[in-house]
N, C-alpha and C. Protein backbone atom coordinates (compact mmCIF):
# COMPACT_ATOMS: atom_id res chain seq x y z
N UNK A 1 0.31 32.23 18.54
CA UNK A 1 0.76 30.96 18.01
C UNK A 1 1.55 30.22 19.10
N UNK A 2 1.14 29.02 19.41
CA UNK A 2 1.84 28.19 20.38
C UNK A 2 2.88 27.37 19.63
N UNK A 3 4.10 27.42 20.12
CA UNK A 3 5.18 26.68 19.46
C UNK A 3 5.48 25.41 20.22
N UNK A 4 5.86 24.41 19.47
CA UNK A 4 6.32 23.16 20.06
C UNK A 4 7.72 23.38 20.64
N UNK A 5 8.06 22.67 21.73
CA UNK A 5 9.40 22.85 22.31
C UNK A 5 10.53 22.66 21.31
N UNK A 6 10.37 21.78 20.34
CA UNK A 6 11.43 21.53 19.36
C UNK A 6 11.61 22.72 18.41
N UNK A 7 10.63 23.62 18.32
CA UNK A 7 10.72 24.77 17.45
C UNK A 7 11.35 25.98 18.13
N UNK A 8 11.59 25.88 19.41
CA UNK A 8 12.13 26.99 20.18
C UNK A 8 13.65 27.00 20.16
N UNK A 9 14.24 28.17 20.32
CA UNK A 9 15.69 28.30 20.40
C UNK A 9 16.09 28.29 21.87
N UNK A 10 16.53 27.12 22.35
CA UNK A 10 16.86 26.91 23.76
C UNK A 10 18.31 27.27 24.02
N UNK A 11 18.58 27.84 25.19
CA UNK A 11 19.96 28.09 25.61
C UNK A 11 20.04 28.00 27.12
N UNK A 12 21.26 27.74 27.61
CA UNK A 12 21.47 27.63 29.05
C UNK A 12 21.27 29.00 29.67
N UNK A 13 20.47 29.05 30.69
CA UNK A 13 20.22 30.31 31.39
C UNK A 13 21.50 30.78 32.05
N UNK A 14 21.77 32.07 31.96
CA UNK A 14 22.93 32.64 32.64
C UNK A 14 22.76 32.57 34.15
N UNK A 15 21.55 32.33 34.62
CA UNK A 15 21.27 32.21 36.05
C UNK A 15 21.48 30.77 36.54
N UNK A 16 21.77 29.85 35.63
CA UNK A 16 21.98 28.46 35.99
C UNK A 16 23.46 28.25 36.21
N UNK A 17 23.87 28.23 37.47
CA UNK A 17 25.29 28.10 37.80
C UNK A 17 25.43 27.01 38.84
N UNK A 18 26.08 25.92 38.45
CA UNK A 18 26.24 24.79 39.35
C UNK A 18 27.64 24.22 39.17
N UNK A 19 28.13 23.55 40.19
CA UNK A 19 29.43 22.90 40.09
C UNK A 19 29.35 21.71 39.14
N UNK A 20 28.13 21.19 38.92
CA UNK A 20 27.91 20.10 37.98
C UNK A 20 27.35 20.69 36.69
N UNK A 21 28.13 20.67 35.63
CA UNK A 21 27.71 21.26 34.36
C UNK A 21 26.47 20.64 33.75
N UNK A 22 26.06 19.47 34.25
CA UNK A 22 24.84 18.83 33.74
C UNK A 22 23.58 19.32 34.43
N UNK A 23 23.72 20.05 35.53
CA UNK A 23 22.57 20.57 36.26
C UNK A 23 22.26 21.97 35.74
N UNK A 24 21.55 22.03 34.65
CA UNK A 24 21.31 23.32 34.00
C UNK A 24 19.82 23.55 33.76
N UNK A 25 19.49 24.80 33.79
CA UNK A 25 18.16 25.23 33.37
C UNK A 25 18.34 25.86 32.00
N UNK A 26 17.50 25.47 31.06
CA UNK A 26 17.52 26.07 29.74
C UNK A 26 16.27 26.90 29.57
N UNK A 27 16.41 28.00 28.85
CA UNK A 27 15.25 28.84 28.57
C UNK A 27 15.16 29.11 27.07
N UNK A 28 13.96 29.41 26.65
CA UNK A 28 13.69 29.85 25.28
C UNK A 28 12.66 30.97 25.39
N UNK A 29 12.99 32.09 24.81
CA UNK A 29 12.11 33.26 24.92
C UNK A 29 11.37 33.49 23.60
N UNK A 30 10.09 33.79 23.74
CA UNK A 30 9.27 34.26 22.63
C UNK A 30 8.71 35.61 23.08
N UNK A 31 8.08 36.36 22.21
CA UNK A 31 7.61 37.69 22.62
C UNK A 31 6.67 37.68 23.84
N UNK A 32 5.90 36.62 24.02
CA UNK A 32 4.91 36.62 25.09
C UNK A 32 5.12 35.54 26.14
N UNK A 33 6.17 34.71 25.99
CA UNK A 33 6.36 33.57 26.89
C UNK A 33 7.84 33.28 27.08
N UNK A 34 8.19 32.92 28.31
CA UNK A 34 9.52 32.40 28.61
C UNK A 34 9.33 30.92 28.94
N UNK A 35 9.98 30.06 28.18
CA UNK A 35 9.88 28.61 28.38
C UNK A 35 11.10 28.17 29.18
N UNK A 36 10.90 27.28 30.14
CA UNK A 36 11.96 26.82 31.03
C UNK A 36 11.93 25.30 31.07
N UNK A 37 13.11 24.68 30.94
CA UNK A 37 13.18 23.21 31.01
C UNK A 37 14.48 22.77 31.67
N UNK A 38 14.50 21.51 32.07
CA UNK A 38 15.68 20.87 32.63
C UNK A 38 16.52 20.36 31.47
N UNK A 39 17.80 20.71 31.44
CA UNK A 39 18.65 20.32 30.32
C UNK A 39 18.85 18.81 30.23
N UNK A 40 18.63 18.09 31.33
CA UNK A 40 18.76 16.62 31.30
C UNK A 40 17.52 15.95 30.73
N UNK A 41 16.44 16.67 30.62
CA UNK A 41 15.16 16.10 30.14
C UNK A 41 14.57 17.00 29.06
N UNK A 42 15.29 17.16 27.97
CA UNK A 42 14.88 18.10 26.94
C UNK A 42 13.59 17.70 26.24
N UNK A 43 13.23 16.44 26.29
CA UNK A 43 11.99 16.00 25.65
C UNK A 43 10.85 15.88 26.66
N UNK A 44 11.12 16.23 27.90
CA UNK A 44 10.11 16.16 28.95
C UNK A 44 9.29 17.44 29.02
N UNK A 45 8.59 17.59 30.09
CA UNK A 45 7.75 18.76 30.30
C UNK A 45 8.60 20.01 30.49
N UNK A 46 7.98 21.15 30.22
CA UNK A 46 8.64 22.42 30.50
C UNK A 46 7.60 23.42 30.99
N UNK A 47 8.09 24.47 31.61
CA UNK A 47 7.22 25.53 32.10
C UNK A 47 7.11 26.62 31.05
N UNK A 48 5.96 27.25 30.97
CA UNK A 48 5.76 28.40 30.11
C UNK A 48 5.26 29.54 30.99
N UNK A 49 6.06 30.59 31.09
CA UNK A 49 5.78 31.69 32.00
C UNK A 49 5.63 33.01 31.24
N UNK A 50 4.82 33.90 31.79
CA UNK A 50 4.76 35.26 31.27
C UNK A 50 6.11 35.92 31.56
N UNK A 51 6.58 36.80 30.70
CA UNK A 51 7.87 37.45 30.95
C UNK A 51 7.94 38.15 32.31
N UNK A 52 6.88 38.76 32.76
CA UNK A 52 6.90 39.42 34.06
C UNK A 52 7.05 38.41 35.19
N UNK A 53 6.45 37.25 35.05
CA UNK A 53 6.58 36.19 36.06
C UNK A 53 8.02 35.70 36.11
N UNK A 54 8.66 35.51 34.96
CA UNK A 54 10.05 35.09 34.90
C UNK A 54 10.94 36.14 35.57
N UNK A 55 10.72 37.41 35.26
CA UNK A 55 11.50 38.48 35.86
C UNK A 55 11.37 38.49 37.37
N UNK A 56 10.14 38.32 37.86
CA UNK A 56 9.91 38.26 39.31
C UNK A 56 10.62 37.07 39.93
N UNK A 57 10.57 35.92 39.27
CA UNK A 57 11.23 34.72 39.79
C UNK A 57 12.74 34.92 39.86
N UNK A 58 13.33 35.44 38.81
CA UNK A 58 14.78 35.63 38.79
C UNK A 58 15.20 36.60 39.89
N UNK A 59 14.44 37.67 40.09
CA UNK A 59 14.76 38.62 41.16
C UNK A 59 14.67 37.93 42.53
N UNK A 60 13.65 37.10 42.73
CA UNK A 60 13.49 36.37 43.98
C UNK A 60 14.64 35.37 44.18
N UNK A 61 14.98 34.63 43.13
CA UNK A 61 16.02 33.61 43.24
C UNK A 61 17.40 34.23 43.48
N UNK A 62 17.59 35.45 43.03
CA UNK A 62 18.89 36.12 43.19
C UNK A 62 19.11 36.61 44.61
N UNK A 63 18.04 36.69 45.41
CA UNK A 63 18.18 37.20 46.79
C UNK A 63 18.92 36.24 47.68
């Protein structure tokens, strides 16, 4: 089942840390997809990633 972005439970990613509180990445997790969006553009486009892809990205970004 594909969910609309408005049906997802979005929250600020713990990996989103900026001196400007408005520069945030929000994520919403479902069993098979991690959704990622810009908190300033909540009605805009978002990414939908496989959980393993998200895990790989977070590990890469943390380096």
